[in-house]
PDB file of N, CA and C in Angstrom:
ATOM      1  N   MET A   1     -42.788 -65.224 127.972  1.00  0.00           N
ATOM      2  CA  MET A   1     -43.318 -64.335 126.769  1.00  0.00           C
ATOM      3  C   MET A   1     -42.098 -63.420 126.309  1.00  0.00           C
ATOM      4  N   VAL A   2     -41.949 -63.417 125.121  1.00  0.00           N
ATOM      5  CA  VAL A   2     -40.992 -62.460 124.591  1.00  0.00           C
ATOM      6  C   VAL A   2     -41.940 -61.450 123.626  1.00  0.00           C
ATOM      7  N   GLY A   3     -41.516 -60.261 123.857  1.00  0.00           N
ATOM      8  CA  GLY A   3     -42.256 -59.192 123.167  1.00  0.00           C
ATOM      9  C   GLY A   3     -41.293 -58.192 122.638  1.00  0.00           C
ATOM     10  N   ARG A   4     -41.781 -57.321 121.750  1.00  0.00           N
ATOM     11  CA  ARG A   4     -41.032 -56.200 121.215  1.00  0.00           C
ATOM     12  C   ARG A   4     -41.671 -55.012 121.714  1.00  0.00           C
ATOM     13  N   VAL A   5     -40.886 -54.085 122.122  1.00  0.00           N
ATOM     14  CA  VAL A   5     -41.321 -52.735 122.587  1.00  0.00           C
ATOM     15  C   VAL A   5     -40.660 -51.578 121.728  1.00  0.00           C
ATOM     16  N   VAL A   6     -41.328 -50.540 121.645  1.00  0.00           N
ATOM     17  CA  VAL A   6     -40.787 -49.333 121.044  1.00  0.00           C
ATOM     18  C   VAL A   6     -40.854 -48.116 121.883  1.00  0.00           C
ATOM     19  N   PRO A   7     -40.185 -47.085 121.666  1.00  0.00           N
ATOM     20  CA  PRO A   7     -40.222 -45.835 122.589  1.00  0.00           C
ATOM     21  C   PRO A   7     -41.651 -45.469 122.552  1.00  0.00           C
ATOM     22  N   ALA A   8     -42.009 -44.888 123.793  1.00  0.00           N
ATOM     23  CA  ALA A   8     -43.123 -44.128 123.937  1.00  0.00           C
ATOM     24  C   ALA A   8     -43.363 -43.216 122.823  1.00  0.00           C
ATOM     25  N   GLY A   9     -44.541 -42.948 122.371  1.00  0.00           N
ATOM     26  CA  GLY A   9     -44.748 -41.764 121.220  1.00  0.00           C
ATOM     27  C   GLY A   9     -44.415 -42.279 120.006  1.00  0.00           C
ATOM     28  N   THR A  10     -44.085 -43.582 119.728  1.00  0.00           N
ATOM     29  CA  THR A  10     -43.749 -44.125 118.340  1.00  0.00           C
ATOM     30  C   THR A  10     -45.069 -44.140 117.588  1.00  0.00           C
ATOM     31  N   LEU A  11     -45.166 -43.593 116.397  1.00  0.00           N
ATOM     32  CA  LEU A  11     -46.301 -43.368 115.579  1.00  0.00           C
ATOM     33  C   LEU A  11     -47.023 -44.716 115.306  1.00  0.00           C
ATOM     34  N   LYS A  12     -48.297 -44.581 115.349  1.00  0.00           N
ATOM     35  CA  LYS A  12     -49.094 -45.715 115.188  1.00  0.00           C
ATOM     36  C   LYS A  12     -48.747 -46.542 113.771  1.00  0.00           C
ATOM     37  N   PRO A  13     -48.645 -45.759 112.660  1.00  0.00           N
ATOM     38  CA  PRO A  13     -48.417 -46.360 111.419  1.00  0.00           C
ATOM     39  C   PRO A  13     -46.889 -47.217 111.543  1.00  0.00           C
ATOM     40  N   VAL A  14     -46.055 -46.671 112.222  1.00  0.00           N
ATOM     41  CA  VAL A  14     -44.723 -47.492 112.391  1.00  0.00           C
ATOM     42  C   VAL A  14     -45.039 -48.728 113.213  1.00  0.00           C
ATOM     43  N   ILE A  15     -45.802 -48.637 114.282  1.00  0.00           N
ATOM     44  CA  ILE A  15     -46.186 -49.910 115.099  1.00  0.00           C
ATOM     45  C   ILE A  15     -46.742 -50.935 114.298  1.00  0.00           C
ATOM     46  N   ALA A  16     -47.801 -50.500 113.395  1.00  0.00           N
ATOM     47  CA  ALA A  16     -48.550 -51.282 112.554  1.00  0.00           C
ATOM     48  C   ALA A  16     -47.676 -52.009 111.548  1.00  0.00           C
ATOM     49  N   LYS A  17     -46.639 -51.314 110.948  1.00  0.00           N
ATOM     50  CA  LYS A  17     -45.826 -51.873 109.895  1.00  0.00           C
ATOM     51  C   LYS A  17     -44.924 -52.814 110.749  1.00  0.00           C
ATOM     52  N   LEU A  18     -44.294 -52.622 111.819  1.00  0.00           N
ATOM     53  CA  LEU A  18     -43.485 -53.341 112.623  1.00  0.00           C
ATOM     54  C   LEU A  18     -44.189 -54.859 112.953  1.00  0.00           C
ATOM     55  N   HIS A  19     -45.396 -54.557 113.445  1.00  0.00           N
ATOM     56  CA  HIS A  19     -46.248 -55.615 113.736  1.00  0.00           C
ATOM     57  C   HIS A  19     -46.634 -56.620 112.693  1.00  0.00           C
ATOM     58  N   GLN A  20     -46.822 -55.916 111.477  1.00  0.00           N
ATOM     59  CA  GLN A  20     -47.034 -56.724 110.305  1.00  0.00           C
ATOM     60  C   GLN A  20     -45.877 -57.508 109.851  1.00  0.00           C
ATOM     61  N   GLU A  21     -44.626 -56.950 109.925  1.00  0.00           N
ATOM     62  CA  GLU A  21     -43.471 -57.727 109.584  1.00  0.00           C
ATOM     63  C   GLU A  21     -43.312 -58.867 110.628  1.00  0.00           C
ATOM     64  N   PHE A  22     -43.380 -58.625 111.955  1.00  0.00           N
ATOM     65  CA  PHE A  22     -43.202 -59.722 112.924  1.00  0.00           C
ATOM     66  C   PHE A  22     -44.172 -60.781 112.660  1.00  0.00           C
ATOM     67  N   VAL A  23     -45.432 -60.489 112.297  1.00  0.00           N
ATOM     68  CA  VAL A  23     -46.383 -61.475 112.028  1.00  0.00           C
ATOM     69  C   VAL A  23     -46.105 -62.467 110.821  1.00  0.00           C
ATOM     70  N   LYS A  24     -45.544 -61.644 109.823  1.00  0.00           N
ATOM     71  CA  LYS A  24     -44.977 -62.388 108.622  1.00  0.00           C
ATOM     72  C   LYS A  24     -43.876 -63.216 109.063  1.00  0.00           C
ATOM     73  N   ALA A  25     -42.982 -62.852 109.793  1.00  0.00           N
ATOM     74  CA  ALA A  25     -41.822 -63.672 110.285  1.00  0.00           C
ATOM     75  C   ALA A  25     -42.331 -64.910 111.223  1.00  0.00           C
ATOM     76  N   GLY A  26     -43.287 -64.624 111.887  1.00  0.00           N
ATOM     77  CA  GLY A  26     -43.835 -65.547 112.847  1.00  0.00           C
ATOM     78  C   GLY A  26     -44.637 -66.658 112.187  1.00  0.00           C
ATOM     79  N   LYS A  27     -44.997 -66.424 110.813  1.00  0.00           N
ATOM     80  CA  LYS A  27     -45.539 -67.524 110.109  1.00  0.00           C
ATOM     81  C   LYS A  27     -44.656 -68.280 109.193  1.00  0.00           C
ATOM     82  N   ASP A  28     -43.463 -67.959 109.215  1.00  0.00           N
ATOM     83  CA  ASP A  28     -42.348 -68.672 108.402  1.00  0.00           C
ATOM     84  C   ASP A  28     -41.919 -69.991 109.238  1.00  0.00           C
ATOM     85  N   ALA A  29     -42.069 -70.972 108.558  1.00  0.00           N
ATOM     86  CA  ALA A  29     -41.894 -72.371 109.094  1.00  0.00           C
ATOM     87  C   ALA A  29     -40.392 -72.508 109.726  1.00  0.00           C
ATOM     88  N   ASP A  30     -39.504 -72.026 109.066  1.00  0.00           N
ATOM     89  CA  ASP A  30     -38.154 -72.090 109.432  1.00  0.00           C
ATOM     90  C   ASP A  30     -37.870 -71.209 110.713  1.00  0.00           C
ATOM     91  N   VAL A  31     -38.520 -70.125 110.743  1.00  0.00           N
ATOM     92  CA  VAL A  31     -38.392 -69.212 112.009  1.00  0.00           C
ATOM     93  C   VAL A  31     -39.125 -69.835 113.186  1.00  0.00           C
ATOM     94  N   VAL A  32     -40.306 -70.394 112.904  1.00  0.00           N
ATOM     95  CA  VAL A  32     -41.006 -71.097 113.922  1.00  0.00           C
ATOM     96  C   VAL A  32     -40.244 -72.272 114.554  1.00  0.00           C
ATOM     97  N   ARG A  33     -39.676 -73.158 113.636  1.00  0.00           N
ATOM     98  CA  ARG A  33     -38.835 -74.216 114.010  1.00  0.00           C
ATOM     99  C   ARG A  33     -37.618 -73.921 114.785  1.00  0.00           C
ATOM    100  N   ARG A  34     -36.822 -72.913 114.399  1.00  0.00           N
ATOM    101  CA  ARG A  34     -35.593 -72.506 115.114  1.00  0.00           C
ATOM    102  C   ARG A  34     -35.976 -71.871 116.382  1.00  0.00           C
ATOM    103  N   LEU A  35     -36.955 -71.087 116.432  1.00  0.00           N
ATOM    104  CA  LEU A  35     -37.275 -70.605 117.940  1.00  0.00           C
ATOM    105  C   LEU A  35     -37.785 -71.666 118.762  1.00  0.00           C
ATOM    106  N   GLY A  36     -38.465 -72.622 118.158  1.00  0.00           N
ATOM    107  CA  GLY A  36     -39.041 -73.752 119.068  1.00  0.00           C
ATOM    108  C   GLY A  36     -37.840 -74.685 119.524  1.00  0.00           C
ATOM    109  N   GLU A  37     -36.953 -74.751 118.737  1.00  0.00           N
ATOM    110  CA  GLU A  37     -35.564 -75.367 119.276  1.00  0.00           C
ATOM    111  C   GLU A  37     -35.079 -74.795 120.631  1.00  0.00           C
ATOM    112  N   ILE A  38     -35.291 -73.497 120.669  1.00  0.00           N
ATOM    113  CA  ILE A  38     -34.804 -72.955 122.042  1.00  0.00           C
ATOM    114  C   ILE A  38     -35.912 -72.740 122.980  1.00  0.00           C
ATOM    115  N   GLY A  39     -37.023 -73.215 122.727  1.00  0.00           N
ATOM    116  CA  GLY A  39     -38.173 -73.125 123.695  1.00  0.00           C
ATOM    117  C   GLY A  39     -39.000 -71.951 123.634  1.00  0.00           C
ATOM    118  N   ILE A  40     -39.014 -71.298 122.474  1.00  0.00           N
ATOM    119  CA  ILE A  40     -40.039 -70.156 122.326  1.00  0.00           C
ATOM    120  C   ILE A  40     -41.044 -70.509 121.331  1.00  0.00           C
ATOM    121  N   ARG A  41     -42.243 -70.373 121.716  1.00  0.00           N
ATOM    122  CA  ARG A  41     -43.516 -70.603 120.977  1.00  0.00           C
ATOM    123  C   ARG A  41     -43.850 -69.241 120.492  1.00  0.00           C
ATOM    124  N   VAL A  42     -44.156 -69.161 119.162  1.00  0.00           N
ATOM    125  CA  VAL A  42     -44.441 -67.976 118.448  1.00  0.00           C
ATOM    126  C   VAL A  42     -45.907 -67.743 118.674  1.00  0.00           C
ATOM    127  N   VAL A  43     -46.241 -66.394 119.214  1.00  0.00           N
ATOM    128  CA  VAL A  43     -47.650 -65.947 119.308  1.00  0.00           C
ATOM    129  C   VAL A  43     -47.610 -64.614 118.705  1.00  0.00           C
ATOM    130  N   THR A  44     -48.484 -64.258 117.968  1.00  0.00           N
ATOM    131  CA  THR A  44     -48.559 -62.939 117.230  1.00  0.00           C
ATOM    132  C   THR A  44     -49.853 -62.182 117.668  1.00  0.00           C
ATOM    133  N   ASN A  45     -49.775 -61.862 118.840  1.00  0.00           N
ATOM    134  CA  ASN A  45     -50.732 -60.940 119.435  1.00  0.00           C
ATOM    135  C   ASN A  45     -50.831 -59.512 118.801  1.00  0.00           C
ATOM    136  N   LYS A  46     -51.775 -58.910 118.906  1.00  0.00           N
ATOM    137  CA  LYS A  46     -52.002 -57.516 118.449  1.00  0.00           C
ATOM    138  C   LYS A  46     -51.200 -56.631 119.458  1.00  0.00           C
ATOM    139  N   PRO A  47     -50.728 -55.527 118.896  1.00  0.00           N
ATOM    140  CA  PRO A  47     -49.950 -54.607 119.982  1.00  0.00           C
ATOM    141  C   PRO A  47     -50.883 -54.201 121.072  1.00  0.00           C
ATOM    142  N   GLU A  48     -52.149 -54.056 120.875  1.00  0.00           N
ATOM    143  CA  GLU A  48     -52.980 -53.737 121.981  1.00  0.00           C
ATOM    144  C   GLU A  48     -52.946 -54.793 123.147  1.00  0.00           C
ATOM    145  N   GLU A  49     -53.146 -56.044 122.600  1.00  0.00           N
ATOM    146  CA  GLU A  49     -53.191 -57.120 123.459  1.00  0.00           C
ATOM    147  C   GLU A  49     -51.783 -57.402 124.285  1.00  0.00           C
ATOM    148  N   PHE A  50     -50.772 -57.138 123.625  1.00  0.00           N
ATOM    149  CA  PHE A  50     -49.485 -57.168 124.440  1.00  0.00           C
ATOM    150  C   PHE A  50     -49.425 -56.060 125.375  1.00  0.00           C
ATOM    151  N   ALA A  51     -49.761 -54.926 125.056  1.00  0.00           N
ATOM    152  CA  ALA A  51     -49.893 -53.792 125.923  1.00  0.00           C
ATOM    153  C   ALA A  51     -50.641 -54.042 127.099  1.00  0.00           C
ATOM    154  N   ALA A  52     -51.853 -54.617 126.958  1.00  0.00           N
ATOM    155  CA  ALA A  52     -52.700 -55.048 128.087  1.00  0.00           C
ATOM    156  C   ALA A  52     -52.123 -56.062 128.956  1.00  0.00           C
ATOM    157  N   PHE A  53     -51.403 -57.042 128.241  1.00  0.00           N
ATOM    158  CA  PHE A  53     -50.714 -58.079 129.137  1.00  0.00           C
ATOM    159  C   PHE A  53     -49.599 -57.515 129.901  1.00  0.00           C
ATOM    160  N   MET A  54     -48.769 -56.562 129.361  1.00  0.00           N
ATOM    161  CA  MET A  54     -47.749 -56.053 130.059  1.00  0.00           C
ATOM    162  C   MET A  54     -48.270 -55.068 131.188  1.00  0.00           C
ATOM    163  N   ALA A  55     -49.292 -54.401 131.037  1.00  0.00           N
ATOM    164  CA  ALA A  55     -49.971 -53.536 132.188  1.00  0.00           C
ATOM    165  C   ALA A  55     -50.327 -54.538 133.304  1.00  0.00           C
ATOM    166  N   ALA A  56     -51.047 -55.606 132.849  1.00  0.00           N
ATOM    167  CA  ALA A  56     -51.549 -56.538 133.943  1.00  0.00           C
ATOM    168  C   ALA A  56     -50.324 -57.195 134.799  1.00  0.00           C
ATOM    169  N   GLU A  57     -49.334 -57.616 133.928  1.00  0.00           N
ATOM    170  CA  GLU A  57     -48.232 -58.175 134.663  1.00  0.00           C
ATOM    171  C   GLU A  57     -47.465 -57.268 135.469  1.00  0.00           C
ATOM    172  N   THR A  58     -47.245 -55.952 135.063  1.00  0.00           N
ATOM    173  CA  THR A  58     -46.599 -54.830 135.895  1.00  0.00           C
ATOM    174  C   THR A  58     -47.378 -54.772 137.171  1.00  0.00           C
ATOM    175  N   GLU A  59     -48.664 -54.691 137.061  1.00  0.00           N
ATOM    176  CA  GLU A  59     -49.565 -54.598 138.306  1.00  0.00           C
ATOM    177  C   GLU A  59     -49.458 -55.776 139.196  1.00  0.00           C
ATOM    178  N   ARG A  60     -49.566 -56.892 138.612  1.00  0.00           N
ATOM    179  CA  ARG A  60     -49.442 -58.192 139.386  1.00  0.00           C
ATOM    180  C   ARG A  60     -48.094 -58.317 140.127  1.00  0.00           C
ATOM    181  N   LEU A  61     -47.016 -58.040 139.275  1.00  0.00           N
ATOM    182  CA  LEU A  61     -45.731 -58.381 139.947  1.00  0.00           C
ATOM    183  C   LEU A  61     -45.297 -57.225 140.848  1.00  0.00           C
ATOM    184  N   GLY A  62     -45.873 -56.128 140.625  1.00  0.00           N
ATOM    185  CA  GLY A  62     -45.664 -54.958 141.419  1.00  0.00           C
ATOM    186  C   GLY A  62     -46.152 -55.213 142.956  1.00  0.00           C
ATOM    187  N   LYS A  63     -47.328 -55.797 142.940  1.00  0.00           N
ATOM    188  CA  LYS A  63     -47.852 -56.303 144.262  1.00  0.00           C
ATOM    189  C   LYS A  63     -47.018 -57.206 144.980  1.00  0.00           C
ATOM    190  N   VAL A  64     -46.403 -57.991 144.228  1.00  0.00           N
ATOM    191  CA  VAL A  64     -45.513 -59.210 144.835  1.00  0.00           C
ATOM    192  C   VAL A  64     -44.389 -58.590 145.232  1.00  0.00           C
ATOM    193  N   VAL A  65     -43.705 -57.720 144.464  1.00  0.00           N
ATOM    194  CA  VAL A  65     -42.416 -56.907 144.941  1.00  0.00           C
ATOM    195  C   VAL A  65     -42.644 -56.137 146.119  1.00  0.00           C
ATOM    196  N   ARG A  66     -43.815 -55.274 146.228  1.00  0.00           N
ATOM    197  CA  ARG A  66     -44.224 -54.572 147.382  1.00  0.00           C
ATOM    198  C   ARG A  66     -44.407 -55.403 148.503  1.00  0.00           C
ATOM    199  N   ALA A  67     -45.121 -56.455 148.441  1.00  0.00           N
ATOM    200  CA  ALA A  67     -45.432 -57.291 149.642  1.00  0.00           C
ATOM    201  C   ALA A  67     -44.238 -57.927 150.131  1.00  0.00           C
ATOM    202  N   SER A  68     -43.173 -58.206 149.301  1.00  0.00           N
ATOM    203  CA  SER A  68     -41.993 -58.887 149.618  1.00  0.00           C
ATOM    204  C   SER A  68     -41.047 -57.946 150.492  1.00  0.00           C
ATOM    205  N   GLY A  69     -41.146 -56.644 150.274  1.00  0.00           N
ATOM    206  CA  GLY A  69     -40.312 -55.783 150.803  1.00  0.00           C
ATOM    207  C   GLY A  69     -38.942 -55.479 150.128  1.00  0.00           C
ATOM    208  N   SER A  70     -38.934 -56.107 148.912  1.00  0.00           N
ATOM    209  CA  SER A  70     -37.635 -56.020 148.116  1.00  0.00           C
ATOM    210  C   SER A  70     -37.553 -54.656 147.651  1.00  0.00           C
ATOM    211  N   ARG A  71     -36.104 -54.305 147.548  1.00  0.00           N
ATOM    212  CA  ARG A  71     -35.756 -52.972 147.330  1.00  0.00           C
ATOM    213  C   ARG A  71     -34.591 -53.113 146.188  1.00  0.00           C
ATOM    214  N   ALA A  72     -34.572 -52.157 145.292  1.00  0.00           N
ATOM    215  CA  ALA A  72     -33.517 -52.078 144.250  1.00  0.00           C
ATOM    216  C   ALA A  72     -32.267 -51.481 145.029  1.00  0.00           C
ATOM    217  N   ASP A  73     -31.135 -51.929 144.809  1.00  0.00           N
ATOM    218  CA  ASP A  73     -29.968 -51.252 145.388  1.00  0.00           C
ATOM    219  C   ASP A  73     -29.180 -50.545 144.302  1.00  0.00           C
TER     220      ASP A  73
END
């Protein structure tokens, strides 16, 4: 999954405008085709849905890393 993130504290109207523009681009047939050529499927989830996905993945993968004993050097 590819997503876009903004700095913490970004104002909600700014996030809404960015999302609106990305959704618009994600409906453009040429954009969808070109991204599809490199293996990217366009999904235009709401910002809240993406945030929930990222939180769940952080939790899930955090457990895997902790269980593996891996450490950052």
